PDB file of N, CA and C in Angstrom:
ATOM      1  N   MET A   1    -195.799  15.429  22.950  1.00  0.00           N
ATOM      2  CA  MET A   1    -195.142  16.631  23.374  1.00  0.00           C
ATOM      3  C   MET A   1    -196.218  17.645  23.743  1.00  0.00           C
ATOM      4  N   ILE A   2    -195.962  18.377  24.817  1.00  0.00           N
ATOM      5  CA  ILE A   2    -196.942  19.339  25.304  1.00  0.00           C
ATOM      6  C   ILE A   2    -196.252  20.667  25.608  1.00  0.00           C
ATOM      7  N   ILE A   3    -196.938  21.751  25.302  1.00  0.00           N
ATOM      8  CA  ILE A   3    -196.479  23.098  25.640  1.00  0.00           C
ATOM      9  C   ILE A   3    -197.557  23.722  26.509  1.00  0.00           C
ATOM     10  N   CYS A   4    -197.134  24.269  27.659  1.00  0.00           N
ATOM     11  CA  CYS A   4    -198.087  24.947  28.532  1.00  0.00           C
ATOM     12  C   CYS A   4    -197.478  26.257  29.016  1.00  0.00           C
ATOM     13  N   ASP A   5    -198.330  27.126  29.550  1.00  0.00           N
ATOM     14  CA  ASP A   5    -197.832  28.385  30.102  1.00  0.00           C
ATOM     15  C   ASP A   5    -197.625  28.242  31.608  1.00  0.00           C
ATOM     16  N   TYR A   6    -197.239  29.323  32.253  1.00  0.00           N
ATOM     17  CA  TYR A   6    -196.921  29.291  33.683  1.00  0.00           C
ATOM     18  C   TYR A   6    -198.136  29.017  34.565  1.00  0.00           C
ATOM     19  N   ARG A   7    -199.353  29.124  33.984  1.00  0.00           N
ATOM     20  CA  ARG A   7    -200.580  28.832  34.735  1.00  0.00           C
ATOM     21  C   ARG A   7    -201.056  27.405  34.506  1.00  0.00           C
ATOM     22  N   MET A   8    -200.251  26.604  33.830  1.00  0.00           N
ATOM     23  CA  MET A   8    -200.569  25.218  33.477  1.00  0.00           C
ATOM     24  C   MET A   8    -201.653  25.138  32.405  1.00  0.00           C
ATOM     25  N   LYS A   9    -201.850  26.209  31.665  1.00  0.00           N
ATOM     26  CA  LYS A   9    -202.790  26.202  30.547  1.00  0.00           C
ATOM     27  C   LYS A   9    -202.086  25.570  29.346  1.00  0.00           C
ATOM     28  N   VAL A  10    -202.675  24.504  28.820  1.00  0.00           N
ATOM     29  CA  VAL A  10    -202.085  23.802  27.684  1.00  0.00           C
ATOM     30  C   VAL A  10    -202.264  24.661  26.432  1.00  0.00           C
ATOM     31  N   LEU A  11    -201.139  24.956  25.772  1.00  0.00           N
ATOM     32  CA  LEU A  11    -201.149  25.791  24.575  1.00  0.00           C
ATOM     33  C   LEU A  11    -201.026  24.970  23.301  1.00  0.00           C
ATOM     34  N   ALA A  12    -200.340  23.843  23.385  1.00  0.00           N
ATOM     35  CA  ALA A  12    -200.160  23.001  22.202  1.00  0.00           C
ATOM     36  C   ALA A  12    -199.854  21.572  22.640  1.00  0.00           C
ATOM     37  N   VAL A  13    -200.322  20.637  21.835  1.00  0.00           N
ATOM     38  CA  VAL A  13    -200.053  19.218  22.047  1.00  0.00           C
ATOM     39  C   VAL A  13    -199.756  18.609  20.691  1.00  0.00           C
ATOM     40  N   ASP A  14    -198.758  17.760  20.642  1.00  0.00           N
ATOM     41  CA  ASP A  14    -198.503  16.986  19.436  1.00  0.00           C
ATOM     42  C   ASP A  14    -198.429  15.523  19.849  1.00  0.00           C
ATOM     43  N   ALA A  15    -199.455  14.774  19.511  1.00  0.00           N
ATOM     44  CA  ALA A  15    -199.518  13.348  19.832  1.00  0.00           C
ATOM     45  C   ALA A  15    -199.463  12.513  18.557  1.00  0.00           C
ATOM     46  N   SER A  16    -198.812  13.067  17.531  1.00  0.00           N
ATOM     47  CA  SER A  16    -198.791  12.404  16.230  1.00  0.00           C
ATOM     48  C   SER A  16    -197.772  11.271  16.138  1.00  0.00           C
ATOM     49  N   ARG A  17    -196.879  11.173  17.100  1.00  0.00           N
ATOM     50  CA  ARG A  17    -195.846  10.145  17.077  1.00  0.00           C
ATOM     51  C   ARG A  17    -195.955   9.290  18.346  1.00  0.00           C
ATOM     52  N   PRO A  18    -195.435   8.070  18.301  1.00  0.00           N
ATOM     53  CA  PRO A  18    -195.503   7.217  19.495  1.00  0.00           C
ATOM     54  C   PRO A  18    -194.624   7.757  20.621  1.00  0.00           C
ATOM     55  N   GLY A  19    -194.904   7.316  21.830  1.00  0.00           N
ATOM     56  CA  GLY A  19    -194.171   7.766  23.004  1.00  0.00           C
ATOM     57  C   GLY A  19    -192.690   7.440  22.965  1.00  0.00           C
ATOM     58  N   SER A  20    -192.292   6.495  22.117  1.00  0.00           N
ATOM     59  CA  SER A  20    -190.878   6.141  22.012  1.00  0.00           C
ATOM     60  C   SER A  20    -190.073   7.193  21.254  1.00  0.00           C
ATOM     61  N   CYS A  21    -190.749   8.093  20.548  1.00  0.00           N
ATOM     62  CA  CYS A  21    -190.054   9.169  19.828  1.00  0.00           C
ATOM     63  C   CYS A  21    -189.635  10.251  20.813  1.00  0.00           C
ATOM     64  N   HIS A  22    -188.423  10.711  20.671  1.00  0.00           N
ATOM     65  CA  HIS A  22    -187.928  11.762  21.557  1.00  0.00           C
ATOM     66  C   HIS A  22    -188.650  13.073  21.253  1.00  0.00           C
ATOM     67  N   ASP A  23    -188.918  13.843  22.307  1.00  0.00           N
ATOM     68  CA  ASP A  23    -189.621  15.117  22.140  1.00  0.00           C
ATOM     69  C   ASP A  23    -188.903  16.050  21.175  1.00  0.00           C
ATOM     70  N   SER A  24    -187.570  16.037  21.159  1.00  0.00           N
ATOM     71  CA  SER A  24    -186.849  16.939  20.256  1.00  0.00           C
ATOM     72  C   SER A  24    -187.102  16.573  18.794  1.00  0.00           C
ATOM     73  N   PHE A  25    -187.269  15.287  18.499  1.00  0.00           N
ATOM     74  CA  PHE A  25    -187.613  14.865  17.139  1.00  0.00           C
ATOM     75  C   PHE A  25    -188.999  15.378  16.774  1.00  0.00           C
ATOM     76  N   ILE A  26    -189.940  15.203  17.691  1.00  0.00           N
ATOM     77  CA  ILE A  26    -191.304  15.680  17.461  1.00  0.00           C
ATOM     78  C   ILE A  26    -191.299  17.196  17.308  1.00  0.00           C
ATOM     79  N   TRP A  27    -190.540  17.891  18.166  1.00  0.00           N
ATOM     80  CA  TRP A  27    -190.452  19.351  18.118  1.00  0.00           C
ATOM     81  C   TRP A  27    -190.000  19.826  16.736  1.00  0.00           C
ATOM     82  N   ASN A  28    -189.006  19.171  16.169  1.00  0.00           N
ATOM     83  CA  ASN A  28    -188.485  19.599  14.868  1.00  0.00           C
ATOM     84  C   ASN A  28    -189.486  19.412  13.739  1.00  0.00           C
ATOM     85  N   MET A  29    -190.513  18.605  13.953  1.00  0.00           N
ATOM     86  CA  MET A  29    -191.515  18.331  12.922  1.00  0.00           C
ATOM     87  C   MET A  29    -192.860  19.019  13.168  1.00  0.00           C
ATOM     88  N   CYS A  30    -193.033  19.671  14.316  1.00  0.00           N
ATOM     89  CA  CYS A  30    -194.378  20.109  14.695  1.00  0.00           C
ATOM     90  C   CYS A  30    -194.714  21.541  14.263  1.00  0.00           C
ATOM     91  N   ASN A  31    -196.004  21.804  14.185  1.00  0.00           N
ATOM     92  CA  ASN A  31    -196.501  23.122  13.798  1.00  0.00           C
ATOM     93  C   ASN A  31    -196.146  24.196  14.812  1.00  0.00           C
ATOM     94  N   ALA A  32    -196.069  23.838  16.090  1.00  0.00           N
ATOM     95  CA  ALA A  32    -195.746  24.824  17.123  1.00  0.00           C
ATOM     96  C   ALA A  32    -194.358  25.408  16.885  1.00  0.00           C
ATOM     97  N   ARG A  33    -193.395  24.578  16.529  1.00  0.00           N
ATOM     98  CA  ARG A  33    -192.048  25.083  16.242  1.00  0.00           C
ATOM     99  C   ARG A  33    -192.088  26.042  15.066  1.00  0.00           C
ATOM    100  N   ASN A  34    -192.806  25.665  14.020  1.00  0.00           N
ATOM    101  CA  ASN A  34    -192.927  26.551  12.857  1.00  0.00           C
ATOM    102  C   ASN A  34    -193.554  27.879  13.249  1.00  0.00           C
ATOM    103  N   TYR A  35    -194.552  27.840  14.120  1.00  0.00           N
ATOM    104  CA  TYR A  35    -195.203  29.064  14.585  1.00  0.00           C
ATOM    105  C   TYR A  35    -194.202  29.963  15.306  1.00  0.00           C
ATOM    106  N   PHE A  36    -193.464  29.392  16.270  1.00  0.00           N
ATOM    107  CA  PHE A  36    -192.498  30.190  17.025  1.00  0.00           C
ATOM    108  C   PHE A  36    -191.357  30.678  16.138  1.00  0.00           C
ATOM    109  N   LEU A  37    -190.915  29.849  15.206  1.00  0.00           N
ATOM    110  CA  LEU A  37    -189.851  30.249  14.288  1.00  0.00           C
ATOM    111  C   LEU A  37    -190.304  31.407  13.404  1.00  0.00           C
ATOM    112  N   ASN A  38    -191.501  31.300  12.840  1.00  0.00           N
ATOM    113  CA  ASN A  38    -192.033  32.381  12.004  1.00  0.00           C
ATOM    114  C   ASN A  38    -192.236  33.653  12.810  1.00  0.00           C
ATOM    115  N   SER A  39    -192.763  33.522  14.023  1.00  0.00           N
ATOM    116  CA  SER A  39    -192.962  34.696  14.884  1.00  0.00           C
ATOM    117  C   SER A  39    -191.632  35.374  15.182  1.00  0.00           C
ATOM    118  N   TYR A  40    -190.619  34.575  15.494  1.00  0.00           N
ATOM    119  CA  TYR A  40    -189.297  35.133  15.780  1.00  0.00           C
ATOM    120  C   TYR A  40    -188.737  35.837  14.541  1.00  0.00           C
ATOM    121  N   ASN A  41    -188.851  35.192  13.389  1.00  0.00           N
ATOM    122  CA  ASN A  41    -188.332  35.777  12.146  1.00  0.00           C
ATOM    123  C   ASN A  41    -189.056  37.058  11.757  1.00  0.00           C
ATOM    124  N   GLN A  42    -190.279  37.246  12.267  1.00  0.00           N
ATOM    125  CA  GLN A  42    -191.037  38.472  12.003  1.00  0.00           C
ATOM    126  C   GLN A  42    -190.828  39.514  13.100  1.00  0.00           C
ATOM    127  N   GLY A  43    -189.881  39.266  14.007  1.00  0.00           N
ATOM    128  CA  GLY A  43    -189.527  40.271  14.999  1.00  0.00           C
ATOM    129  C   GLY A  43    -190.026  40.043  16.408  1.00  0.00           C
ATOM    130  N   ASP A  44    -190.779  38.970  16.647  1.00  0.00           N
ATOM    131  CA  ASP A  44    -191.270  38.692  18.001  1.00  0.00           C
ATOM    132  C   ASP A  44    -190.147  38.053  18.812  1.00  0.00           C
ATOM    133  N   THR A  45    -189.538  38.841  19.689  1.00  0.00           N
ATOM    134  CA  THR A  45    -188.473  38.314  20.543  1.00  0.00           C
ATOM    135  C   THR A  45    -188.939  38.165  21.986  1.00  0.00           C
ATOM    136  N   ASN A  46    -190.237  38.324  22.222  1.00  0.00           N
ATOM    137  CA  ASN A  46    -190.790  38.231  23.574  1.00  0.00           C
ATOM    138  C   ASN A  46    -191.393  36.872  23.889  1.00  0.00           C
ATOM    139  N   SER A  47    -191.587  36.022  22.898  1.00  0.00           N
ATOM    140  CA  SER A  47    -192.172  34.700  23.121  1.00  0.00           C
ATOM    141  C   SER A  47    -191.052  33.687  23.292  1.00  0.00           C
ATOM    142  N   LEU A  48    -190.958  33.131  24.494  1.00  0.00           N
ATOM    143  CA  LEU A  48    -189.886  32.190  24.808  1.00  0.00           C
ATOM    144  C   LEU A  48    -190.453  30.913  25.404  1.00  0.00           C
ATOM    145  N   LEU A  49    -189.780  29.813  25.122  1.00  0.00           N
ATOM    146  CA  LEU A  49    -190.136  28.508  25.670  1.00  0.00           C
ATOM    147  C   LEU A  49    -188.951  27.963  26.451  1.00  0.00           C
ATOM    148  N   LEU A  50    -189.237  27.158  27.463  1.00  0.00           N
ATOM    149  CA  LEU A  50    -188.198  26.449  28.197  1.00  0.00           C
ATOM    150  C   LEU A  50    -188.217  24.993  27.761  1.00  0.00           C
ATOM    151  N   GLY A  51    -187.076  24.490  27.346  1.00  0.00           N
ATOM    152  CA  GLY A  51    -186.969  23.093  26.955  1.00  0.00           C
ATOM    153  C   GLY A  51    -185.918  22.393  27.790  1.00  0.00           C
ATOM    154  N   ASP A  52    -186.015  21.078  27.904  1.00  0.00           N
ATOM    155  CA  ASP A  52    -184.998  20.359  28.668  1.00  0.00           C
ATOM    156  C   ASP A  52    -183.731  20.194  27.832  1.00  0.00           C
ATOM    157  N   SER A  53    -182.734  19.557  28.420  1.00  0.00           N
ATOM    158  CA  SER A  53    -181.425  19.469  27.764  1.00  0.00           C
ATOM    159  C   SER A  53    -181.437  18.605  26.506  1.00  0.00           C
ATOM    160  N   GLY A  54    -182.510  17.881  26.257  1.00  0.00           N
ATOM    161  CA  GLY A  54    -182.619  17.082  25.044  1.00  0.00           C
ATOM    162  C   GLY A  54    -182.938  17.896  23.803  1.00  0.00           C
ATOM    163  N   TYR A  55    -183.327  19.135  23.990  1.00  0.00           N
ATOM    164  CA  TYR A  55    -183.656  20.012  22.872  1.00  0.00           C
ATOM    165  C   TYR A  55    -182.441  20.831  22.478  1.00  0.00           C
ATOM    166  N   GLY A  56    -182.403  21.241  21.222  1.00  0.00           N
ATOM    167  CA  GLY A  56    -181.365  22.156  20.771  1.00  0.00           C
ATOM    168  C   GLY A  56    -181.759  23.590  21.101  1.00  0.00           C
ATOM    169  N   LEU A  57    -180.773  24.393  21.443  1.00  0.00           N
ATOM    170  CA  LEU A  57    -181.008  25.799  21.749  1.00  0.00           C
ATOM    171  C   LEU A  57    -181.451  26.537  20.493  1.00  0.00           C
ATOM    172  N   GLU A  58    -182.509  27.329  20.610  1.00  0.00           N
ATOM    173  CA  GLU A  58    -182.987  28.178  19.520  1.00  0.00           C
ATOM    174  C   GLU A  58    -183.244  29.557  20.105  1.00  0.00           C
ATOM    175  N   PRO A  59    -183.362  30.591  19.272  1.00  0.00           N
ATOM    176  CA  PRO A  59    -183.568  31.944  19.813  1.00  0.00           C
ATOM    177  C   PRO A  59    -184.809  32.066  20.697  1.00  0.00           C
ATOM    178  N   PHE A  60    -185.779  31.194  20.510  1.00  0.00           N
ATOM    179  CA  PHE A  60    -187.038  31.245  21.256  1.00  0.00           C
ATOM    180  C   PHE A  60    -187.211  30.032  22.168  1.00  0.00           C
ATOM    181  N   LEU A  61    -186.218  29.148  22.205  1.00  0.00           N
ATOM    182  CA  LEU A  61    -186.259  27.932  23.025  1.00  0.00           C
ATOM    183  C   LEU A  61    -185.013  27.899  23.905  1.00  0.00           C
ATOM    184  N   ILE A  62    -185.213  28.132  25.193  1.00  0.00           N
ATOM    185  CA  ILE A  62    -184.106  28.214  26.137  1.00  0.00           C
ATOM    186  C   ILE A  62    -183.899  26.850  26.786  1.00  0.00           C
ATOM    187  N   THR A  63    -182.680  26.368  26.711  1.00  0.00           N
ATOM    188  CA  THR A  63    -182.325  25.085  27.311  1.00  0.00           C
ATOM    189  C   THR A  63    -181.278  25.316  28.402  1.00  0.00           C
ATOM    190  N   PRO A  64    -181.126  24.358  29.314  1.00  0.00           N
ATOM    191  CA  PRO A  64    -180.133  24.541  30.382  1.00  0.00           C
ATOM    192  C   PRO A  64    -178.705  24.405  29.855  1.00  0.00           C
ATOM    193  N   TYR A  65    -177.775  24.970  30.618  1.00  0.00           N
ATOM    194  CA  TYR A  65    -176.355  24.776  30.326  1.00  0.00           C
ATOM    195  C   TYR A  65    -175.994  23.332  30.622  1.00  0.00           C
ATOM    196  N   LYS A  66    -174.998  22.816  29.918  1.00  0.00           N
ATOM    197  CA  LYS A  66    -174.543  21.442  30.148  1.00  0.00           C
ATOM    198  C   LYS A  66    -173.263  21.462  30.979  1.00  0.00           C
ATOM    199  N   ASP A  67    -173.127  20.490  31.852  1.00  0.00           N
ATOM    200  CA  ASP A  67    -171.901  20.273  32.628  1.00  0.00           C
ATOM    201  C   ASP A  67    -171.413  21.531  33.335  1.00  0.00           C
ATOM    202  N   VAL A  68    -172.224  22.060  34.234  1.00  0.00           N
ATOM    203  CA  VAL A  68    -171.840  23.273  34.963  1.00  0.00           C
ATOM    204  C   VAL A  68    -171.415  22.935  36.390  1.00  0.00           C
ATOM    205  N   ALA A  69    -170.526  23.745  36.911  1.00  0.00           N
ATOM    206  CA  ALA A  69    -170.050  23.556  38.285  1.00  0.00           C
ATOM    207  C   ALA A  69    -171.017  24.212  39.264  1.00  0.00           C
ATOM    208  N   ALA A  70    -171.176  23.588  40.418  1.00  0.00           N
ATOM    209  CA  ALA A  70    -172.055  24.132  41.461  1.00  0.00           C
ATOM    210  C   ALA A  70    -171.572  25.517  41.878  1.00  0.00           C
ATOM    211  N   GLY A  71    -172.522  26.389  42.145  1.00  0.00           N
ATOM    212  CA  GLY A  71    -172.208  27.729  42.616  1.00  0.00           C
ATOM    213  C   GLY A  71    -171.955  28.754  41.528  1.00  0.00           C
ATOM    214  N   THR A  72    -171.888  28.323  40.276  1.00  0.00           N
ATOM    215  CA  THR A  72    -171.654  29.262  39.178  1.00  0.00           C
ATOM    216  C   THR A  72    -172.962  29.926  38.759  1.00  0.00           C
ATOM    217  N   VAL A  73    -172.834  30.987  37.994  1.00  0.00           N
ATOM    218  CA  VAL A  73    -174.016  31.675  37.467  1.00  0.00           C
ATOM    219  C   VAL A  73    -174.832  30.711  36.602  1.00  0.00           C
ATOM    220  N   GLN A  74    -174.144  29.883  35.829  1.00  0.00           N
ATOM    221  CA  GLN A  74    -174.834  28.918  34.972  1.00  0.00           C
ATOM    222  C   GLN A  74    -175.602  27.895  35.815  1.00  0.00           C
ATOM    223  N   HIS A  75    -175.046  27.492  36.936  1.00  0.00           N
ATOM    224  CA  HIS A  75    -175.723  26.548  37.832  1.00  0.00           C
ATOM    225  C   HIS A  75    -176.989  27.175  38.406  1.00  0.00           C
ATOM    226  N   LYS A  76    -176.884  28.433  38.802  1.00  0.00           N
ATOM    227  CA  LYS A  76    -178.059  29.149  39.318  1.00  0.00           C
ATOM    228  C   LYS A  76    -179.116  29.282  38.228  1.00  0.00           C
ATOM    229  N   PHE A  77    -178.665  29.585  36.998  1.00  0.00           N
ATOM    230  CA  PHE A  77    -179.597  29.660  35.874  1.00  0.00           C
ATOM    231  C   PHE A  77    -180.302  28.320  35.693  1.00  0.00           C
ATOM    232  N   ASN A  78    -179.538  27.231  35.700  1.00  0.00           N
ATOM    233  CA  ASN A  78    -180.130  25.905  35.513  1.00  0.00           C
ATOM    234  C   ASN A  78    -181.160  25.584  36.587  1.00  0.00           C
ATOM    235  N   ASN A  79    -180.898  25.988  37.827  1.00  0.00           N
ATOM    236  CA  ASN A  79    -181.877  25.768  38.899  1.00  0.00           C
ATOM    237  C   ASN A  79    -183.160  26.541  38.635  1.00  0.00           C
ATOM    238  N   SER A  80    -183.034  27.792  38.216  1.00  0.00           N
ATOM    239  CA  SER A  80    -184.221  28.596  37.887  1.00  0.00           C
ATOM    240  C   SER A  80    -184.951  28.016  36.686  1.00  0.00           C
ATOM    241  N   HIS A  81    -184.190  27.586  35.702  1.00  0.00           N
ATOM    242  CA  HIS A  81    -184.759  26.977  34.495  1.00  0.00           C
ATOM    243  C   HIS A  81    -185.551  25.724  34.868  1.00  0.00           C
ATOM    244  N   ALA A  82    -184.965  24.868  35.702  1.00  0.00           N
ATOM    245  CA  ALA A  82    -185.637  23.630  36.123  1.00  0.00           C
ATOM    246  C   ALA A  82    -186.914  23.937  36.893  1.00  0.00           C
ATOM    247  N   SER A  83    -186.877  24.965  37.705  1.00  0.00           N
ATOM    248  CA  SER A  83    -188.066  25.363  38.461  1.00  0.00           C
ATOM    249  C   SER A  83    -189.181  25.791  37.512  1.00  0.00           C
ATOM    250  N   GLY A  84    -188.836  26.553  36.501  1.00  0.00           N
ATOM    251  CA  GLY A  84    -189.830  26.981  35.515  1.00  0.00           C
ATOM    252  C   GLY A  84    -190.349  25.823  34.686  1.00  0.00           C
ATOM    253  N   ARG A  85    -189.455  24.915  34.300  1.00  0.00           N
ATOM    254  CA  ARG A  85    -189.854  23.769  33.492  1.00  0.00           C
ATOM    255  C   ARG A  85    -190.692  22.773  34.275  1.00  0.00           C
ATOM    256  N   ASN A  86    -190.585  22.798  35.580  1.00  0.00           N
ATOM    257  CA  ASN A  86    -191.355  21.895  36.426  1.00  0.00           C
ATOM    258  C   ASN A  86    -192.857  22.055  36.204  1.00  0.00           C
ATOM    259  N   ILE A  87    -193.266  23.216  35.741  1.00  0.00           N
ATOM    260  CA  ILE A  87    -194.690  23.471  35.492  1.00  0.00           C
ATOM    261  C   ILE A  87    -195.247  22.492  34.469  1.00  0.00           C
ATOM    262  N   VAL A  88    -194.501  22.214  33.411  1.00  0.00           N
ATOM    263  CA  VAL A  88    -195.007  21.283  32.395  1.00  0.00           C
ATOM    264  C   VAL A  88    -195.107  19.874  32.979  1.00  0.00           C
ATOM    265  N   GLU A  89    -194.177  19.500  33.850  1.00  0.00           N
ATOM    266  CA  GLU A  89    -194.256  18.182  34.484  1.00  0.00           C
ATOM    267  C   GLU A  89    -195.484  18.091  35.387  1.00  0.00           C
ATOM    268  N   ARG A  90    -195.765  19.155  36.116  1.00  0.00           N
ATOM    269  CA  ARG A  90    -196.965  19.176  36.960  1.00  0.00           C
ATOM    270  C   ARG A  90    -198.219  19.119  36.096  1.00  0.00           C
ATOM    271  N   THR A  91    -198.215  19.825  34.982  1.00  0.00           N
ATOM    272  CA  THR A  91    -199.367  19.815  34.072  1.00  0.00           C
ATOM    273  C   THR A  91    -199.627  18.402  33.562  1.00  0.00           C
ATOM    274  N   ILE A  92    -198.579  17.706  33.167  1.00  0.00           N
ATOM    275  CA  ILE A  92    -198.723  16.327  32.697  1.00  0.00           C
ATOM    276  C   ILE A  92    -199.266  15.448  33.822  1.00  0.00           C
ATOM    277  N   GLY A  93    -198.788  15.657  35.038  1.00  0.00           N
ATOM    278  CA  GLY A  93    -199.293  14.901  36.186  1.00  0.00           C
ATOM    279  C   GLY A  93    -200.773  15.128  36.423  1.00  0.00           C
ATOM    280  N   VAL A  94    -201.214  16.374  36.311  1.00  0.00           N
ATOM    281  CA  VAL A  94    -202.638  16.692  36.476  1.00  0.00           C
ATOM    282  C   VAL A  94    -203.458  16.006  35.390  1.00  0.00           C
ATOM    283  N   LEU A  95    -202.975  16.053  34.151  1.00  0.00           N
ATOM    284  CA  LEU A  95    -203.693  15.402  33.050  1.00  0.00           C
ATOM    285  C   LEU A  95    -203.776  13.891  33.261  1.00  0.00           C
ATOM    286  N   LYS A  96    -202.683  13.294  33.720  1.00  0.00           N
ATOM    287  CA  LYS A  96    -202.690  11.846  33.965  1.00  0.00           C
ATOM    288  C   LYS A  96    -203.622  11.477  35.108  1.00  0.00           C
ATOM    289  N   SER A  97    -203.739  12.342  36.101  1.00  0.00           N
ATOM    290  CA  SER A  97    -204.680  12.077  37.197  1.00  0.00           C
ATOM    291  C   SER A  97    -206.116  12.166  36.710  1.00  0.00           C
ATOM    292  N   ARG A  98    -206.368  13.118  35.854  1.00  0.00           N
ATOM    293  CA  ARG A  98    -207.728  13.343  35.358  1.00  0.00           C
ATOM    294  C   ARG A  98    -208.120  12.306  34.311  1.00  0.00           C
ATOM    295  N   PHE A  99    -207.193  11.962  33.447  1.00  0.00           N
ATOM    296  CA  PHE A  99    -207.446  11.024  32.359  1.00  0.00           C
ATOM    297  C   PHE A  99    -206.537   9.811  32.558  1.00  0.00           C
ATOM    298  N   ARG A 100    -207.001   8.860  33.339  1.00  0.00           N
ATOM    299  CA  ARG A 100    -206.197   7.707  33.737  1.00  0.00           C
ATOM    300  C   ARG A 100    -205.668   6.914  32.544  1.00  0.00           C
ATOM    301  N   SER A 101    -206.334   6.984  31.412  1.00  0.00           N
ATOM    302  CA  SER A 101    -205.887   6.225  30.241  1.00  0.00           C
ATOM    303  C   SER A 101    -204.544   6.728  29.715  1.00  0.00           C
ATOM    304  N   LEU A 102    -204.111   7.914  30.134  1.00  0.00           N
ATOM    305  CA  LEU A 102    -202.819   8.438  29.698  1.00  0.00           C
ATOM    306  C   LEU A 102    -201.648   7.712  30.352  1.00  0.00           C
ATOM    307  N   HIS A 103    -201.932   6.850  31.326  1.00  0.00           N
ATOM    308  CA  HIS A 103    -200.871   6.113  32.009  1.00  0.00           C
ATOM    309  C   HIS A 103    -200.321   4.976  31.163  1.00  0.00           C
ATOM    310  N   GLY A 104    -200.940   4.656  30.064  1.00  0.00           N
ATOM    311  CA  GLY A 104    -200.435   3.586  29.213  1.00  0.00           C
ATOM    312  C   GLY A 104    -201.543   2.663  28.775  1.00  0.00           C
ATOM    313  N   THR A 105    -201.134   1.549  28.211  1.00  0.00           N
ATOM    314  CA  THR A 105    -202.074   0.566  27.685  1.00  0.00           C
ATOM    315  C   THR A 105    -202.909  -0.026  28.812  1.00  0.00           C
ATOM    316  N   GLN A 106    -204.198  -0.061  28.598  1.00  0.00           N
ATOM    317  CA  GLN A 106    -205.119  -0.631  29.580  1.00  0.00           C
ATOM    318  C   GLN A 106    -205.346  -2.100  29.242  1.00  0.00           C
ATOM    319  N   LYS A 107    -205.322  -2.940  30.257  1.00  0.00           N
ATOM    320  CA  LYS A 107    -205.573  -4.368  30.053  1.00  0.00           C
ATOM    321  C   LYS A 107    -207.065  -4.633  30.104  1.00  0.00           C
ATOM    322  N   GLY A 108    -207.539  -5.369  29.126  1.00  0.00           N
ATOM    323  CA  GLY A 108    -208.955  -5.735  29.083  1.00  0.00           C
ATOM    324  C   GLY A 108    -209.243  -6.891  30.031  1.00  0.00           C
ATOM    325  N   GLY A 109    -210.491  -6.974  30.464  1.00  0.00           N
ATOM    326  CA  GLY A 109    -210.791  -8.030  31.418  1.00  0.00           C
ATOM    327  C   GLY A 109    -211.825  -8.941  31.007  1.00  0.00           C
TER     328      GLY A 109
END
């Protein structure tokens, strides 16, 4: 699981579980969640994260609406949300280009 900002700067990584584990499971166990939860509980309402629909909604973790009709305010929100979340996908792509071993198991020769 990776957290980055809008400039593609990596803020947190949790690689403690295998890739078969869902990010939401990792999120519920990671230090980054505890950090954001504690910050929120201490009054920080300005730090927000965008998560995909696999995550549960939290005061500091914004997820898209489910099952929305085209043309609605929720649909427009989801489009904006997806555009913002695309940054983390691009960041992962850049990392995979730079560090080819992130593509998976390498076969020995």
